Amino acid sequence: MSRSTTTGAERFWLDSVRLTAHVISSEEELFGIDNEHEGGFAAAIAERFWQAVDAEAIRRPEGVEVNLYVLRDDCLMVAVREREGQPPPAPLRQVASYSLEARDVACPFDETFEECRAAIAHLLEHANGLLPGLAALRAAEGRREGGEA
């Protein structure tokens, strides 16, 4: 894994303390990803990921959000896009990863909360890898609006 030179404000990162507090307040105990989830392992990972979003435990660069899509019961896709509500006339831009096998994101036999946090952090690293592509789209749009080819 390559090392990034961006600051925390320019990257996605997980606020583990906030996520932990949210899970304890809503579930009264800490447990990880349910490997017997009826939607499959990828859906179980996504459920915990969206719980972190709801808890506002995912810190993000200004004007950008991360999305997670369940493609199959064992496959996920990470995408970053401009946050809705950006000042017009900016079109909504999104850059997505290739599909990720759920078992490469988290161990299906490790239901610990630590594994859950590690899985979310792993997804956010994929999102961070997409940020340069989103920046390139923004720059290209700026050149096009400015009359450059």
Protein backbone atom coordinates (compact mmCIF):
# COMPACT_ATOMS: atom_id res chain seq x y z
CA MET A 1 0.00 0.00 0.00
CA SER A 2 1.43 3.36 -0.95
CA ARG A 3 1.86 6.17 1.47
CA SER A 4 -0.12 9.34 0.87
CA THR A 5 1.18 12.84 1.46
CA THR A 6 -2.27 14.37 1.95
CA THR A 7 -3.46 15.68 5.29
CA GLY A 8 -6.39 14.29 7.25
CA ALA A 9 -8.64 17.07 5.95
CA GLU A 10 -7.92 15.94 2.37
CA ARG A 11 -8.63 12.27 2.97
CA PHE A 12 -11.41 10.02 4.18
CA TRP A 13 -10.80 8.52 7.59
CA LEU A 14 -12.74 6.69 10.26
CA ASP A 15 -13.33 8.29 13.65
CA SER A 16 -13.28 5.03 15.60
CA VAL A 17 -14.20 6.68 18.89
CA ARG A 18 -17.36 8.18 17.39
CA LEU A 19 -18.32 4.88 15.73
CA THR A 20 -17.73 2.93 18.93
CA ALA A 21 -19.88 5.35 20.97
CA HIS A 22 -22.65 5.18 18.37
CA VAL A 23 -22.69 1.38 18.29
CA ILE A 24 -22.68 1.11 22.08
CA SER A 25 -25.52 3.63 22.39
CA SER A 26 -27.67 1.91 19.78
CA GLU A 27 -26.82 -1.76 20.35
CA GLU A 28 -25.48 -1.79 23.92
CA GLU A 29 -22.59 -4.05 22.91
CA LEU A 30 -19.77 -4.12 20.42
CA PHE A 31 -19.81 -6.74 17.74
CA GLY A 32 -18.48 -6.73 14.24
CA ILE A 33 -19.75 -7.83 10.87
CA ASP A 34 -22.46 -10.49 10.84
CA ASN A 35 -21.12 -13.27 8.63
CA GLU A 36 -24.59 -14.85 8.51
CA HIS A 37 -26.35 -11.71 7.24
CA GLU A 38 -29.35 -12.65 5.07
CA GLY A 39 -28.11 -10.36 2.25
CA GLY A 40 -24.67 -11.94 2.22
CA PHE A 41 -21.30 -10.88 3.57
CA ALA A 42 -21.01 -7.82 1.31
CA ALA A 43 -24.37 -6.53 2.56
CA ALA A 44 -23.23 -7.06 6.15
CA ILE A 45 -20.10 -4.98 5.51
CA ALA A 46 -22.21 -2.30 3.80
CA GLU A 47 -24.61 -2.21 6.75
CA ARG A 48 -21.77 -1.43 9.14
CA PHE A 49 -20.30 1.09 6.69
CA TRP A 50 -23.62 2.99 6.45
CA GLN A 51 -23.91 2.82 10.22
CA ALA A 52 -20.58 4.67 10.38
CA VAL A 53 -21.93 7.25 7.93
CA ASP A 54 -25.07 7.70 10.05
CA ALA A 55 -22.90 8.10 13.13
CA GLU A 56 -20.93 10.82 11.30
CA ALA A 57 -17.84 8.73 12.02
CA ILE A 58 -16.51 9.00 8.49
CA ARG A 59 -14.49 12.16 8.10
CA ARG A 60 -14.18 13.44 4.57
CA PRO A 61 -12.63 16.10 2.41
CA GLU A 62 -14.76 19.20 1.89
CA GLY A 63 -17.37 18.83 -0.84
CA VAL A 64 -16.83 15.09 -1.38
CA GLU A 65 -18.69 12.01 -0.19
CA VAL A 66 -18.05 8.29 -0.36
CA ASN A 67 -20.61 5.74 -1.52
CA LEU A 68 -20.58 1.99 -1.16
CA TYR A 69 -22.52 -0.29 -3.48
CA VAL A 70 -23.30 -3.97 -2.96
CA LEU A 71 -22.90 -5.61 -6.37
CA ARG A 72 -23.47 -9.22 -5.28
CA ASP A 73 -23.61 -11.06 -1.98
CA ASP A 74 -19.80 -11.22 -2.03
CA CYS A 75 -18.83 -8.10 -3.97
CA LEU A 76 -18.67 -4.34 -3.24
CA MET A 77 -17.81 -1.19 -5.13
CA VAL A 78 -16.49 2.04 -3.59
CA ALA A 79 -17.15 5.39 -5.26
CA VAL A 80 -16.37 9.01 -4.45
CA ARG A 81 -18.35 11.89 -5.78
CA GLU A 82 -19.04 15.52 -5.30
CA ARG A 83 -21.37 16.06 -2.42
CA GLU A 84 -24.90 16.86 -3.49
CA GLY A 85 -25.82 20.47 -2.98
CA GLN A 86 -22.60 21.85 -4.47
CA PRO A 87 -23.15 25.28 -5.96
CA PRO A 88 -24.65 25.09 -9.45
CA PRO A 89 -23.81 24.77 -12.32
CA ALA A 90 -21.30 22.09 -11.30
CA PRO A 91 -22.51 18.71 -12.58
CA LEU A 92 -22.38 15.78 -10.24
CA ARG A 93 -19.18 13.80 -10.82
CA GLN A 94 -18.43 10.31 -9.53
CA VAL A 95 -15.37 8.07 -9.74
CA ALA A 96 -15.70 4.41 -8.78
CA SER A 97 -13.40 1.51 -8.04
CA TYR A 98 -13.44 -1.85 -9.64
CA SER A 99 -15.39 -4.40 -7.66
CA LEU A 100 -13.89 -5.61 -4.40
CA GLU A 101 -14.38 -9.10 -3.07
CA ALA A 102 -15.96 -8.86 0.37
CA ARG A 103 -13.51 -11.41 1.81
CA ASP A 104 -10.64 -9.10 0.76
CA VAL A 105 -12.21 -6.27 2.76
CA ALA A 106 -12.91 -8.25 5.95
CA CYS A 107 -12.46 -11.75 7.28
CA PRO A 108 -15.84 -13.51 7.15
CA PHE A 109 -15.00 -15.54 10.26
CA ASP A 110 -13.91 -12.62 12.44
CA GLU A 111 -16.95 -10.96 14.00
CA THR A 112 -14.93 -8.70 16.28
CA PHE A 113 -15.58 -4.98 16.32
CA GLU A 114 -11.88 -4.40 15.58
CA GLU A 115 -12.29 -6.28 12.29
CA CYS A 116 -15.36 -4.16 11.54
CA ARG A 117 -13.38 -0.93 12.05
CA ALA A 118 -10.51 -2.30 9.97
CA ALA A 119 -12.91 -3.17 7.13
CA ILE A 120 -14.39 0.34 7.09
CA ALA A 121 -10.89 1.87 7.16
CA HIS A 122 -9.90 -0.44 4.27
CA LEU A 123 -12.86 0.81 2.21
CA LEU A 124 -11.93 4.40 2.99
CA GLU A 125 -8.38 3.76 1.74
CA HIS A 126 -9.90 2.66 -1.56
CA ALA A 127 -11.94 5.87 -1.56
CA ASN A 128 -8.77 7.89 -0.94
CA GLY A 129 -7.21 6.24 -3.97
CA LEU A 130 -10.08 7.60 -6.08
CA LEU A 131 -9.69 11.24 -4.98
CA PRO A 132 -7.03 12.11 -7.61
CA GLY A 133 -9.38 10.91 -10.36
CA LEU A 134 -12.17 13.10 -9.02
CA ALA A 135 -9.77 16.05 -8.86
CA ALA A 136 -8.79 15.41 -12.49
CA LEU A 137 -12.47 15.45 -13.51
CA ARG A 138 -12.93 18.74 -11.69
CA ALA A 139 -9.85 20.22 -13.37
CA ALA A 140 -10.99 19.07 -16.81
CA GLU A 141 -14.40 20.62 -16.24
CA GLY A 142 -12.72 23.87 -15.19
CA ARG A 143 -10.62 23.91 -18.37
CA ARG A 144 -13.70 23.22 -20.48
CA GLU A 145 -15.64 26.03 -18.83
CA GLY A 146 -12.67 28.32 -19.25
CA GLY A 147 -12.54 27.68 -23.00
CA GLU A 148 -9.42 25.48 -23.01
CA ALA A 149 -9.48 22.12 -24.76
